C-alpha atoms as a PDB file:
ATOM      1  CA  UNK A   1       8.207 141.229  12.680  1.00  0.00           C
ATOM      2  CA  UNK A   2       9.802 141.778  16.073  1.00  0.00           C
ATOM      3  CA  UNK A   3       9.499 139.003  18.661  1.00  0.00           C
ATOM      4  CA  UNK A   4       9.089 139.816  22.342  1.00  0.00           C
ATOM      5  CA  UNK A   5       9.318 137.331  25.193  1.00  0.00           C
ATOM      6  CA  UNK A   6       6.112 137.763  27.190  1.00  0.00           C
ATOM      7  CA  UNK A   7       6.607 135.295  29.997  1.00  0.00           C
ATOM      8  CA  UNK A   8       7.577 131.864  31.235  1.00  0.00           C
ATOM      9  CA  UNK A   9       5.202 128.995  32.003  1.00  0.00           C
ATOM     10  CA  UNK A  10       5.847 128.029  35.601  1.00  0.00           C
ATOM     11  CA  UNK A  11       3.219 125.354  36.339  1.00  0.00           C
ATOM     12  CA  UNK A  12      -0.236 124.010  35.524  1.00  0.00           C
ATOM     13  CA  UNK A  13      -3.163 125.821  37.149  1.00  0.00           C
ATOM     14  CA  UNK A  14      -5.893 123.383  38.055  1.00  0.00           C
ATOM     15  CA  UNK A  15      -6.951 120.312  36.077  1.00  0.00           C
ATOM     16  CA  UNK A  16      -8.411 121.837  32.887  1.00  0.00           C
ATOM     17  CA  UNK A  17      -5.175 122.717  31.092  1.00  0.00           C
ATOM     18  CA  UNK A  18      -4.665 126.261  32.343  1.00  0.00           C
ATOM     19  CA  UNK A  19      -1.100 127.504  32.759  1.00  0.00           C
ATOM     20  CA  UNK A  20       0.480 129.748  35.374  1.00  0.00           C
ATOM     21  CA  UNK A  21       2.748 132.216  33.588  1.00  0.00           C
ATOM     22  CA  UNK A  22       5.269 134.607  35.100  1.00  0.00           C
ATOM     23  CA  UNK A  23       4.951 137.729  32.905  1.00  0.00           C
ATOM     24  CA  UNK A  24       8.047 139.609  31.779  1.00  0.00           C
ATOM     25  CA  UNK A  25       5.933 142.644  30.824  1.00  0.00           C
ATOM     26  CA  UNK A  26       3.142 144.669  32.396  1.00  0.00           C
ATOM     27  CA  UNK A  27       0.034 142.456  32.659  1.00  0.00           C
ATOM     28  CA  UNK A  28      -2.207 145.044  30.984  1.00  0.00           C
ATOM     29  CA  UNK A  29      -0.472 144.279  27.676  1.00  0.00           C
ATOM     30  CA  UNK A  30      -1.821 140.726  27.644  1.00  0.00           C
ATOM     31  CA  UNK A  31      -5.534 141.476  27.368  1.00  0.00           C
ATOM     32  CA  UNK A  32      -5.641 141.617  23.548  1.00  0.00           C
ATOM     33  CA  UNK A  33      -3.263 138.730  22.810  1.00  0.00           C
ATOM     34  CA  UNK A  34      -4.833 136.097  20.552  1.00  0.00           C
ATOM     35  CA  UNK A  35      -1.761 133.955  19.753  1.00  0.00           C
ATOM     36  CA  UNK A  36       1.585 133.081  21.286  1.00  0.00           C
ATOM     37  CA  UNK A  37       4.651 131.619  19.681  1.00  0.00           C
ATOM     38  CA  UNK A  38       7.005 129.244  21.453  1.00  0.00           C
ATOM     39  CA  UNK A  39      10.777 129.452  21.012  1.00  0.00           C
ATOM     40  CA  UNK A  40      10.677 126.591  18.491  1.00  0.00           C
ATOM     41  CA  UNK A  41       8.380 128.672  16.248  1.00  0.00           C
ATOM     42  CA  UNK A  42       5.105 126.814  16.858  1.00  0.00           C
ATOM     43  CA  UNK A  43       2.099 129.080  17.338  1.00  0.00           C
ATOM     44  CA  UNK A  44      -0.801 128.474  19.738  1.00  0.00           C
ATOM     45  CA  UNK A  45      -4.130 130.276  20.069  1.00  0.00           C
ATOM     46  CA  UNK A  46      -5.247 131.779  23.366  1.00  0.00           C
ATOM     47  CA  UNK A  47      -8.699 130.921  24.728  1.00  0.00           C
ATOM     48  CA  UNK A  48      -8.495 133.228  27.754  1.00  0.00           C
ATOM     49  CA  UNK A  49      -6.105 135.130  29.993  1.00  0.00           C
ATOM     50  CA  UNK A  50      -6.657 136.340  33.538  1.00  0.00           C
ATOM     51  CA  UNK A  51      -4.492 137.936  36.190  1.00  0.00           C
ATOM     52  CA  UNK A  52      -3.879 136.138  39.474  1.00  0.00           C
ATOM     53  CA  UNK A  53      -1.799 138.269  41.843  1.00  0.00           C
ATOM     54  CA  UNK A  54       1.592 138.782  40.154  1.00  0.00           C
ATOM     55  CA  UNK A  55       1.047 135.878  37.721  1.00  0.00           C
ATOM     56  CA  UNK A  56      -1.157 135.233  34.712  1.00  0.00           C
ATOM     57  CA  UNK A  57      -3.371 132.214  34.166  1.00  0.00           C
ATOM     58  CA  UNK A  58      -3.605 131.380  30.482  1.00  0.00           C
ATOM     59  CA  UNK A  59      -5.741 128.775  28.714  1.00  0.00           C
ATOM     60  CA  UNK A  60      -4.362 127.755  25.327  1.00  0.00           C
ATOM     61  CA  UNK A  61      -6.441 126.084  22.636  1.00  0.00           C
ATOM     62  CA  UNK A  62      -5.671 122.361  22.655  1.00  0.00           C
ATOM     63  CA  UNK A  63      -4.245 122.301  26.178  1.00  0.00           C
ATOM     64  CA  UNK A  64      -7.169 120.594  27.889  1.00  0.00           C
ATOM     65  CA  UNK A  65      -5.724 118.650  30.816  1.00  0.00           C
ATOM     66  CA  UNK A  66      -3.230 119.044  33.606  1.00  0.00           C
ATOM     67  CA  UNK A  67      -0.939 116.591  31.781  1.00  0.00           C
ATOM     68  CA  UNK A  68      -1.028 118.753  28.630  1.00  0.00           C
ATOM     69  CA  UNK A  69      -0.176 121.801  30.746  1.00  0.00           C
ATOM     70  CA  UNK A  70       2.627 119.991  32.591  1.00  0.00           C
ATOM     71  CA  UNK A  71       4.370 119.291  29.280  1.00  0.00           C
ATOM     72  CA  UNK A  72       4.683 123.054  28.707  1.00  0.00           C
ATOM     73  CA  UNK A  73       6.315 123.829  32.072  1.00  0.00           C
ATOM     74  CA  UNK A  74       9.427 125.983  31.695  1.00  0.00           C
ATOM     75  CA  UNK A  75       8.707 127.131  28.127  1.00  0.00           C
ATOM     76  CA  UNK A  76       8.746 130.806  27.203  1.00  0.00           C
ATOM     77  CA  UNK A  77       6.015 132.536  25.234  1.00  0.00           C
END
């Protein structure tokens, strides 16, 4: 299976665990994504994805607070 870097988490978005992600690919490719894998190999499920200007806002399953989201800052998906 080929791995593709989709984007980099830049910051939390709000207080409910959403993440601001700078996409490396066209945003239209993200609509059907159900899972992401971090560089260390751990996989996370996607609750929702939405576009916000030139960024994406992604909610991952289990990332439920701003503190959870802050811990993921700088990681690539």
